[in-house]
Amino acid sequence: MTPVIVDLADGSASMGDLWVHDQHDSFKASILVRLFEDPRHEGAMPRPFGLF
């Protein structure tokens, strides 16, 4: 699985193409938190965070 950042406005992806986070699914949450990359690197994925 290689995540990519998409822009829904340009029509290259739709909501059906996205993996939507489910607050009750701890498996998805653990995957999302591991996607963080150093924001100083070009093309880095944004930091996932939830409600505190």
C-alpha atoms as a PDB file:
ATOM      1  CA  MET A   1       0.000   0.000   0.000  1.00  0.00           C
ATOM      2  CA  THR A   2       1.436   3.319  -1.064  1.00  0.00           C
ATOM      3  CA  PRO A   3      -0.649   6.279   0.096  1.00  0.00           C
ATOM      4  CA  VAL A   4      -0.887   9.386  -2.055  1.00  0.00           C
ATOM      5  CA  ILE A   5      -2.356  12.821  -1.491  1.00  0.00           C
ATOM      6  CA  VAL A   6      -5.225  13.523  -3.889  1.00  0.00           C
ATOM      7  CA  ASP A   7      -7.200  16.626  -4.782  1.00  0.00           C
ATOM      8  CA  LEU A   8     -10.909  15.855  -5.069  1.00  0.00           C
ATOM      9  CA  ALA A   9     -11.477  19.173  -6.831  1.00  0.00           C
ATOM     10  CA  ASP A  10      -9.497  18.229  -9.942  1.00  0.00           C
ATOM     11  CA  GLY A  11     -11.549  15.081 -10.591  1.00  0.00           C
ATOM     12  CA  SER A  12      -8.624  12.631 -10.505  1.00  0.00           C
ATOM     13  CA  ALA A  13     -10.171  10.849  -7.496  1.00  0.00           C
ATOM     14  CA  SER A  14     -13.615  10.502  -5.966  1.00  0.00           C
ATOM     15  CA  MET A  15     -14.865   9.861  -2.421  1.00  0.00           C
ATOM     16  CA  GLY A  16     -15.267   6.199  -3.406  1.00  0.00           C
ATOM     17  CA  ASP A  17     -11.511   5.990  -4.047  1.00  0.00           C
ATOM     18  CA  LEU A  18     -10.599   7.160  -0.538  1.00  0.00           C
ATOM     19  CA  TRP A  19     -10.026   5.182   2.626  1.00  0.00           C
ATOM     20  CA  VAL A  20     -12.162   6.942   5.223  1.00  0.00           C
ATOM     21  CA  HIS A  21     -11.097   6.737   8.849  1.00  0.00           C
ATOM     22  CA  ASP A  22     -13.540   4.979  11.175  1.00  0.00           C
ATOM     23  CA  GLN A  23     -13.184   6.146  14.772  1.00  0.00           C
ATOM     24  CA  HIS A  24     -14.274   2.727  16.017  1.00  0.00           C
ATOM     25  CA  ASP A  25     -11.681   0.750  14.013  1.00  0.00           C
ATOM     26  CA  SER A  26      -8.416   0.623  15.996  1.00  0.00           C
ATOM     27  CA  PHE A  27      -6.695  -1.340  13.201  1.00  0.00           C
ATOM     28  CA  LYS A  28      -7.183   1.520  10.704  1.00  0.00           C
ATOM     29  CA  ALA A  29      -6.124   4.035  13.344  1.00  0.00           C
ATOM     30  CA  SER A  30      -2.837   2.204  13.986  1.00  0.00           C
ATOM     31  CA  ILE A  31      -2.086   2.134  10.238  1.00  0.00           C
ATOM     32  CA  LEU A  32      -2.850   5.837   9.825  1.00  0.00           C
ATOM     33  CA  VAL A  33      -0.603   6.905  12.697  1.00  0.00           C
ATOM     34  CA  ARG A  34       2.319   5.028  11.119  1.00  0.00           C
ATOM     35  CA  LEU A  35       1.987   7.010   7.879  1.00  0.00           C
ATOM     36  CA  PHE A  36       3.553  10.140   9.380  1.00  0.00           C
ATOM     37  CA  GLU A  37       6.711  11.329   7.665  1.00  0.00           C
ATOM     38  CA  ASP A  38       9.069  14.170   8.469  1.00  0.00           C
ATOM     39  CA  PRO A  39       7.325  17.312   7.134  1.00  0.00           C
ATOM     40  CA  ARG A  40      10.684  18.869   6.275  1.00  0.00           C
ATOM     41  CA  HIS A  41      11.032  16.406   3.370  1.00  0.00           C
ATOM     42  CA  GLU A  42       9.409  17.314   0.070  1.00  0.00           C
ATOM     43  CA  GLY A  43       6.314  15.207  -0.646  1.00  0.00           C
ATOM     44  CA  ALA A  44       5.915  14.108   2.978  1.00  0.00           C
ATOM     45  CA  MET A  45       2.498  12.867   4.045  1.00  0.00           C
ATOM     46  CA  PRO A  46       0.627  15.098   6.513  1.00  0.00           C
ATOM     47  CA  ARG A  47       0.628  14.120  10.192  1.00  0.00           C
ATOM     48  CA  PRO A  48      -2.528  12.185  11.098  1.00  0.00           C
ATOM     49  CA  PHE A  49      -4.168  13.253  14.332  1.00  0.00           C
ATOM     50  CA  GLY A  50      -7.508  12.786  16.011  1.00  0.00           C
ATOM     51  CA  LEU A  51      -9.685  14.470  18.546  1.00  0.00           C
ATOM     52  CA  PHE A  52      -8.269  15.036  21.982  1.00  0.00           C
END
